[in-house]
Amino acid sequence: MKKLLPALCALFFSLMPQVSSAEELTVVTVERPPFSTIESGLQSGFSIELWEAVAKELDHTTTYQVMDSFSGMLNAVQAEDGADLAVANISITAQREQVMDFSHAIFESGLQIMVPRGGEDVVIWDALFSRDLLLAIAIAFLLLFGGGMLMWQFERDKQPYFELPARQALFPSFWWALNLVVNGGFEERQPRSFFGRIFGVILVVSSLFVVSVFVAKITAVMTVDAIQGSVNSVNDLYGKRVGTIGGSTSAAYLEDRDLDFASFEDLDALVIAFEEGKMDAAVFDAPVLAFYASHEGRDVAQMVGAPFRRESYGFALPSGSPLVEPINRVLLRLREDGTYDRLHRKYFGRAM
């Protein structure tokens, strides 16, 4: 018994470091469905559930702090005695890598464009009521009124149809000119005066060109407005009202392309401005916008084009954090045992 007692004590003290290794970590996040969100007062989302699986493997407990902004979340990781790591849709960039560490990539993403749903219909109506088209229609009406009244001047003493005072002859004369252009005129109302016949022949011949030019003008205006009004790729964003979140990778991308854009503090502000019709397109992380467009924004938003500027998300940690390597080893195991694929299918329908 005396020999067993030292052995039991040695075993007890050897297990103490393992028990004490379970520590509570402070994790900062920001609400970004479907990566991080709050449901029934509890944190959830793809990135959150993936971190919970990692923490379980590392035997760590987690205390979450939900930050008001994305930049505030990253600042909390960089601060001295700040958070142990940040979990959300955090893009791994060279600039961020200089001031913090990242885990292995947990999600492959990119940027994408979101536009108002039914934007094509809006473009057609905008084209129909465009300034150029309305001006062309107004000129056509003036020509018809002018031509009709000139014919009235020539024919008012020659046939009963034009035997009206000028004020009363406005519409009949316009109607006569309109029928001349569209149908070739009235057989029983041929001009009878010398100048009326000459003017009538000129009207019939010139109407062929006038109608062709007018139709071509309408077609050109509607085609140009439709092309200029549609957004299908990044190249279509020039001259449009574009919005994104300030300080994000999407903002940096738009700046590099010399694209003007409105900068918003967070996703909620961006979505509110989009729903109020203050922008023609929103540019941000593809899965975040796609989740909004397929859920609460399904009646007002739609995604266009393919994702561009491919980027990877990861867990962000303070520079030199001892947690980086243990987290990376666990992430590799979770991919190998199928845990990662199950989470990916749960939130996005398919595994990478």
Protein backbone atom coordinates (compact mmCIF):
# COMPACT_ATOMS: atom_id res chain seq x y z
CA MET A 1 0.00 0.00 0.00
CA LYS A 2 2.86 2.30 0.85
CA LYS A 3 4.35 1.59 -2.59
CA LEU A 4 1.05 2.29 -4.35
CA LEU A 5 0.48 5.65 -2.67
CA PRO A 6 3.39 7.50 -4.39
CA ALA A 7 2.35 6.00 -7.71
CA LEU A 8 -1.25 7.21 -7.28
CA CYS A 9 -0.04 10.68 -6.29
CA ALA A 10 2.22 10.85 -9.33
CA LEU A 11 -0.68 9.82 -11.58
CA PHE A 12 -2.95 12.44 -10.00
CA PHE A 13 -0.48 15.27 -10.44
CA SER A 14 0.28 14.16 -14.01
CA LEU A 15 -3.41 14.50 -14.88
CA MET A 16 -3.77 17.98 -13.40
CA PRO A 17 -2.27 19.84 -16.41
CA GLN A 18 -4.77 18.06 -18.70
CA VAL A 19 -7.71 19.11 -16.55
CA SER A 20 -6.49 22.67 -16.21
CA SER A 21 -5.85 22.86 -19.98
CA ALA A 22 -9.56 23.39 -20.57
CA GLU A 23 -9.79 27.18 -20.64
CA GLU A 24 -12.45 29.71 -21.55
CA LEU A 25 -11.77 31.66 -24.72
CA THR A 26 -13.24 35.03 -25.64
CA VAL A 27 -14.54 34.99 -29.20
CA VAL A 28 -15.70 38.17 -30.90
CA THR A 29 -18.09 38.07 -33.82
CA VAL A 30 -20.51 40.23 -35.76
CA GLU A 31 -23.91 39.35 -37.15
CA ARG A 32 -23.41 38.17 -40.72
CA PRO A 33 -25.90 35.49 -41.76
CA PRO A 34 -25.36 32.71 -42.62
CA PHE A 35 -21.89 32.70 -41.03
CA SER A 36 -22.75 34.28 -37.70
CA THR A 37 -26.19 35.12 -36.42
CA ILE A 38 -28.32 35.02 -33.30
CA GLU A 39 -31.25 32.61 -33.12
CA SER A 40 -33.39 32.38 -29.99
CA GLY A 41 -30.72 34.28 -28.08
CA LEU A 42 -27.97 31.83 -29.04
CA GLN A 43 -25.07 32.24 -31.46
CA SER A 44 -25.35 30.12 -34.59
CA GLY A 45 -24.23 30.07 -38.19
CA PHE A 46 -21.72 28.18 -40.29
CA SER A 47 -18.58 29.80 -38.83
CA ILE A 48 -19.93 29.63 -35.27
CA GLU A 49 -20.83 25.94 -35.50
CA LEU A 50 -17.49 25.16 -37.09
CA TRP A 51 -15.70 26.95 -34.25
CA GLU A 52 -17.80 25.09 -31.68
CA ALA A 53 -16.63 21.81 -33.22
CA VAL A 54 -13.01 23.00 -33.05
CA ALA A 55 -13.39 24.20 -29.45
CA LYS A 56 -14.88 20.87 -28.44
CA GLU A 57 -11.89 19.02 -29.89
CA LEU A 58 -9.51 21.39 -28.07
CA ASP A 59 -11.52 21.08 -24.85
CA HIS A 60 -12.10 24.86 -24.65
CA THR A 61 -15.24 26.72 -23.65
CA THR A 62 -16.34 29.90 -25.38
CA THR A 63 -17.65 33.28 -24.32
CA TYR A 64 -19.05 35.27 -27.25
CA GLN A 65 -18.97 39.02 -27.65
CA VAL A 66 -21.09 40.40 -30.50
CA MET A 67 -19.53 43.58 -31.84
CA ASP A 68 -21.38 46.47 -33.47
CA SER A 69 -19.14 46.56 -36.53
CA PHE A 70 -16.79 44.36 -38.52
CA SER A 71 -13.86 46.72 -37.93
CA GLY A 72 -14.61 46.69 -34.21
CA MET A 73 -14.41 42.91 -34.23
CA LEU A 74 -11.00 42.92 -35.92
CA ASN A 75 -9.74 45.68 -33.61
CA ALA A 76 -10.72 43.56 -30.62
CA VAL A 77 -8.40 40.81 -31.85
CA GLN A 78 -5.51 43.23 -32.35
CA ALA A 79 -5.93 44.98 -28.99
CA GLU A 80 -3.61 44.10 -26.13
CA ASP A 81 -5.38 41.71 -23.75
CA GLY A 82 -8.18 41.62 -26.34
CA ALA A 83 -10.20 38.71 -27.69
CA ASP A 84 -8.66 35.30 -28.29
CA LEU A 85 -10.05 35.10 -31.82
CA ALA A 86 -12.70 36.43 -34.19
CA VAL A 87 -15.23 34.25 -35.98
CA ALA A 88 -17.41 35.36 -38.91
CA ASN A 89 -16.90 35.77 -42.66
CA ILE A 90 -13.37 37.15 -42.31
CA SER A 91 -11.40 37.37 -45.55
CA ILE A 92 -7.74 36.41 -45.35
CA THR A 93 -5.77 39.26 -46.91
CA ALA A 94 -2.11 40.24 -47.02
CA GLN A 95 -2.86 43.52 -45.27
CA ARG A 96 -4.65 41.84 -42.38
CA GLU A 97 -1.97 39.15 -42.18
CA GLN A 98 0.51 41.86 -41.19
CA VAL A 99 -1.31 42.64 -37.93
CA MET A 100 -2.97 39.34 -37.02
CA ASP A 101 -2.77 35.62 -37.65
CA PHE A 102 -5.27 33.42 -39.49
CA SER A 103 -6.27 29.80 -39.35
CA HIS A 104 -6.44 27.61 -42.41
CA ALA A 105 -9.19 28.64 -44.82
CA ILE A 106 -12.64 27.61 -43.61
CA PHE A 107 -14.60 28.80 -46.66
CA GLU A 108 -13.86 29.70 -50.28
CA SER A 109 -15.84 32.72 -51.38
CA GLY A 110 -15.76 35.80 -53.58
CA LEU A 111 -17.57 39.05 -54.29
CA GLN A 112 -20.82 39.31 -56.20
CA ILE A 113 -23.35 41.89 -57.37
CA MET A 114 -26.91 42.20 -56.10
CA VAL A 115 -29.48 44.29 -57.98
CA PRO A 116 -33.16 45.13 -57.41
CA ARG A 117 -35.49 42.33 -58.49
CA GLY A 118 -37.39 43.12 -61.68
CA GLY A 119 -34.78 45.67 -62.70
CA GLU A 120 -35.32 44.76 -66.36
CA ASP A 121 -38.94 45.95 -66.18
CA VAL A 122 -37.82 49.20 -64.56
CA VAL A 123 -35.31 49.72 -67.36
CA ILE A 124 -38.02 49.29 -70.04
CA TRP A 125 -40.27 51.85 -68.37
CA ASP A 126 -37.36 54.23 -67.91
CA ALA A 127 -36.61 53.88 -71.61
CA LEU A 128 -40.23 54.49 -72.59
CA PHE A 129 -40.33 57.69 -70.55
CA SER A 130 -36.80 58.82 -71.27
CA ARG A 131 -36.15 62.45 -72.19
CA ASP A 132 -34.95 61.66 -75.71
CA LEU A 133 -37.93 59.48 -76.53
CA LEU A 134 -40.45 61.99 -75.17
CA LEU A 135 -38.73 64.74 -77.16
CA ALA A 136 -38.96 62.66 -80.35
CA ILE A 137 -42.67 62.05 -79.77
CA ALA A 138 -43.28 65.74 -79.09
CA ILE A 139 -41.52 66.74 -82.33
CA ALA A 140 -43.60 64.18 -84.26
CA PHE A 141 -46.84 65.61 -82.87
CA LEU A 142 -45.75 69.16 -83.71
CA LEU A 143 -44.96 68.14 -87.29
CA LEU A 144 -48.35 66.47 -87.65
CA PHE A 145 -50.17 69.49 -86.23
CA GLY A 146 -48.09 71.85 -88.36
CA GLY A 147 -48.57 69.83 -91.55
CA GLY A 148 -52.28 69.42 -90.91
CA MET A 149 -52.83 73.13 -90.31
CA LEU A 150 -50.81 74.03 -93.39
CA MET A 151 -53.04 71.75 -95.46
CA TRP A 152 -56.07 73.41 -93.83
CA GLN A 153 -54.71 76.74 -95.01
CA PHE A 154 -54.51 75.45 -98.58
CA GLU A 155 -57.83 73.53 -98.62
CA ARG A 156 -60.22 75.41 -96.32
CA ASP A 157 -62.02 76.98 -99.30
CA LYS A 158 -61.82 73.91 -101.53
CA GLN A 159 -63.56 71.07 -99.64
CA PRO A 160 -66.08 70.73 -96.79
CA TYR A 161 -63.72 68.74 -94.51
CA PHE A 162 -61.48 71.77 -94.03
CA GLU A 163 -64.25 74.39 -94.00
CA LEU A 164 -63.83 75.11 -90.30
CA PRO A 165 -62.45 77.95 -88.22
CA ALA A 166 -58.79 77.52 -87.26
CA ARG A 167 -59.60 76.62 -83.67
CA GLN A 168 -62.08 73.93 -84.66
CA ALA A 169 -59.83 72.64 -87.42
CA LEU A 170 -56.95 71.73 -85.10
CA PHE A 171 -57.94 68.13 -84.47
CA PRO A 172 -59.46 67.34 -87.92
CA SER A 173 -56.31 68.68 -89.58
CA PHE A 174 -54.09 66.69 -87.20
CA TRP A 175 -56.19 63.59 -87.83
CA TRP A 176 -55.91 64.06 -91.59
CA ALA A 177 -52.09 64.38 -91.36
CA LEU A 178 -51.86 61.34 -89.05
CA ASN A 179 -53.86 59.20 -91.46
CA LEU A 180 -51.76 60.43 -94.35
CA VAL A 181 -48.58 59.29 -92.60
CA VAL A 182 -49.97 56.00 -91.30
CA ASN A 183 -52.43 54.93 -94.00
CA GLY A 184 -51.56 57.08 -96.99
CA GLY A 185 -54.47 59.47 -96.47
CA PHE A 186 -58.20 59.50 -97.23
CA GLU A 187 -59.19 58.64 -100.81
CA GLU A 188 -62.24 60.95 -100.67
CA ARG A 189 -60.26 63.84 -99.16
CA GLN A 190 -57.59 64.35 -101.75
CA PRO A 191 -56.16 67.86 -101.90
CA ARG A 192 -57.93 70.00 -104.51
CA SER A 193 -55.86 73.16 -104.51
CA PHE A 194 -52.64 73.47 -106.51
CA PHE A 195 -50.44 74.06 -103.50
CA GLY A 196 -52.41 71.51 -101.48
CA ARG A 197 -51.68 68.78 -104.04
CA ILE A 198 -47.97 69.65 -104.15
CA PHE A 199 -47.79 69.72 -100.36
CA GLY A 200 -49.76 66.44 -100.15
CA VAL A 201 -47.30 64.67 -102.48
CA ILE A 202 -44.38 66.01 -100.44
CA LEU A 203 -46.04 64.76 -97.24
CA VAL A 204 -46.68 61.27 -98.64
CA VAL A 205 -43.10 60.87 -99.93
CA SER A 206 -41.43 62.41 -96.88
CA SER A 207 -43.63 60.42 -94.47
CA LEU A 208 -41.85 57.25 -95.59
CA PHE A 209 -38.56 58.68 -94.36
CA VAL A 210 -40.08 60.39 -91.31
CA VAL A 211 -41.71 57.19 -90.08
CA SER A 212 -38.50 55.20 -90.66
CA VAL A 213 -36.38 57.75 -88.79
CA PHE A 214 -38.92 58.00 -85.98
CA VAL A 215 -39.11 54.22 -85.50
CA ALA A 216 -35.31 53.99 -85.64
CA LYS A 217 -35.04 56.74 -83.01
CA ILE A 218 -37.44 54.96 -80.66
CA THR A 219 -35.61 51.66 -81.14
CA ALA A 220 -32.22 53.27 -80.57
CA VAL A 221 -33.30 55.09 -77.42
CA MET A 222 -34.88 51.99 -75.88
CA THR A 223 -31.92 49.80 -76.83
CA VAL A 224 -29.31 52.21 -75.47
CA ASP A 225 -31.24 52.84 -72.25
CA ALA A 226 -31.81 49.13 -71.76
CA ILE A 227 -28.11 48.37 -72.24
CA GLN A 228 -26.98 51.25 -70.02
CA GLY A 229 -29.58 50.50 -67.38
CA SER A 230 -28.77 46.81 -66.90
CA VAL A 231 -26.09 45.49 -64.55
CA ASN A 232 -24.68 42.05 -65.22
CA SER A 233 -20.98 42.40 -64.43
CA VAL A 234 -18.42 44.68 -62.80
CA ASN A 235 -17.95 46.58 -66.06
CA ASP A 236 -21.62 47.60 -65.93
CA LEU A 237 -21.15 49.36 -62.58
CA TYR A 238 -19.54 52.48 -64.01
CA GLY A 239 -21.94 55.38 -63.78
CA LYS A 240 -24.30 53.45 -61.50
CA ARG A 241 -25.21 54.02 -57.87
CA VAL A 242 -23.18 51.33 -56.13
CA GLY A 243 -23.06 50.55 -52.42
CA THR A 244 -20.86 48.40 -50.19
CA ILE A 245 -19.54 48.26 -46.63
CA GLY A 246 -16.69 50.59 -45.77
CA GLY A 247 -13.35 49.01 -44.96
CA SER A 248 -14.31 45.68 -46.53
CA THR A 249 -12.47 43.79 -49.24
CA SER A 250 -15.29 44.75 -51.62
CA ALA A 251 -14.65 48.44 -50.92
CA ALA A 252 -10.94 47.96 -51.65
CA TYR A 253 -11.80 46.15 -54.89
CA LEU A 254 -14.11 48.95 -56.08
CA GLU A 255 -11.46 51.54 -55.24
CA ASP A 256 -8.87 49.62 -57.27
CA ARG A 257 -11.26 49.65 -60.24
CA ASP A 258 -11.87 53.41 -59.85
CA LEU A 259 -15.57 52.81 -59.27
CA ASP A 260 -17.56 55.38 -57.32
CA PHE A 261 -19.57 53.88 -54.48
CA ALA A 262 -21.48 54.76 -51.34
CA SER A 263 -19.88 53.39 -48.17
CA PHE A 264 -22.06 52.01 -45.36
CA GLU A 265 -21.11 51.22 -41.79
CA ASP A 266 -22.52 47.69 -41.67
CA LEU A 267 -24.68 45.18 -43.49
CA ASP A 268 -27.93 46.43 -41.95
CA ALA A 269 -27.30 49.97 -43.22
CA LEU A 270 -26.42 48.63 -46.68
CA VAL A 271 -29.60 46.53 -46.84
CA ILE A 272 -31.82 49.40 -45.68
CA ALA A 273 -30.42 51.73 -48.35
CA PHE A 274 -30.85 49.00 -50.97
CA GLU A 275 -34.47 48.39 -50.01
CA GLU A 276 -35.16 52.13 -50.14
CA GLY A 277 -33.99 52.19 -53.75
CA LYS A 278 -30.94 54.35 -53.11
CA MET A 279 -28.62 52.21 -55.23
CA ASP A 280 -28.60 50.35 -58.52
CA ALA A 281 -26.34 47.59 -57.23
CA ALA A 282 -24.75 46.33 -54.02
CA VAL A 283 -21.33 44.65 -54.06
CA PHE A 284 -20.23 42.47 -51.17
CA ASP A 285 -19.37 38.90 -50.12
CA ALA A 286 -21.27 36.52 -52.42
CA PRO A 287 -22.66 34.11 -49.78
CA VAL A 288 -23.82 36.94 -47.51
CA LEU A 289 -25.70 38.75 -50.29
CA ALA A 290 -27.03 35.46 -51.69
CA PHE A 291 -28.40 34.50 -48.27
CA TYR A 292 -30.19 37.85 -47.98
CA ALA A 293 -31.53 37.66 -51.55
CA SER A 294 -32.93 34.16 -50.96
CA HIS A 295 -34.49 34.91 -47.56
CA GLU A 296 -35.74 38.27 -46.29
CA GLY A 297 -34.82 40.03 -49.52
CA ARG A 298 -36.28 37.48 -51.94
CA ASP A 299 -39.03 39.91 -53.09
CA VAL A 300 -36.73 42.88 -53.70
CA ALA A 301 -33.29 41.54 -54.62
CA GLN A 302 -31.59 39.16 -57.02
CA MET A 303 -28.00 38.11 -57.68
CA VAL A 304 -26.42 38.71 -61.09
CA GLY A 305 -23.23 37.51 -62.70
CA ALA A 306 -20.72 35.06 -61.30
CA PRO A 307 -18.65 35.64 -58.15
CA PHE A 308 -15.38 37.45 -58.79
CA ARG A 309 -12.20 38.27 -56.84
CA ARG A 310 -11.96 34.88 -55.19
CA GLU A 311 -11.05 34.99 -51.49
CA SER A 312 -10.86 32.70 -48.48
CA TYR A 313 -12.36 33.10 -45.01
CA GLY A 314 -10.59 32.07 -41.84
CA PHE A 315 -10.58 32.48 -38.05
CA ALA A 316 -8.63 35.62 -37.06
CA LEU A 317 -6.31 35.47 -34.04
CA PRO A 318 -3.85 37.85 -32.37
CA SER A 319 -0.42 37.89 -33.94
CA GLY A 320 1.71 35.10 -32.46
CA SER A 321 -1.26 33.31 -30.86
CA PRO A 322 -0.39 29.80 -29.62
CA LEU A 323 -3.87 28.68 -30.72
CA VAL A 324 -3.12 28.84 -34.45
CA GLU A 325 -1.45 25.45 -34.82
CA PRO A 326 -3.89 23.50 -32.58
CA ILE A 327 -6.83 25.05 -34.45
CA ASN A 328 -5.34 24.19 -37.84
CA ARG A 329 -4.73 20.56 -36.82
CA VAL A 330 -8.35 20.23 -35.68
CA LEU A 331 -9.67 21.87 -38.87
CA LEU A 332 -7.82 19.26 -40.91
CA ARG A 333 -9.33 16.46 -38.81
CA LEU A 334 -12.84 17.91 -39.20
CA ARG A 335 -12.44 17.87 -42.96
CA GLU A 336 -11.19 14.29 -42.89
CA ASP A 337 -13.96 12.94 -40.65
CA GLY A 338 -16.79 14.63 -42.61
CA THR A 339 -17.81 17.16 -39.96
CA TYR A 340 -16.91 20.09 -42.21
CA ASP A 341 -18.87 18.71 -45.17
CA ARG A 342 -21.97 18.16 -43.02
CA LEU A 343 -21.89 21.76 -41.81
CA HIS A 344 -21.32 23.07 -45.35
CA ARG A 345 -24.31 21.10 -46.67
CA LYS A 346 -26.45 22.36 -43.80
CA TYR A 347 -25.92 26.02 -44.67
CA PHE A 348 -25.05 26.02 -48.37
CA GLY A 349 -26.49 22.82 -49.77
CA ARG A 350 -23.25 21.24 -50.94
CA ALA A 351 -19.70 20.75 -49.80
CA MET A 352 -16.75 22.57 -51.38
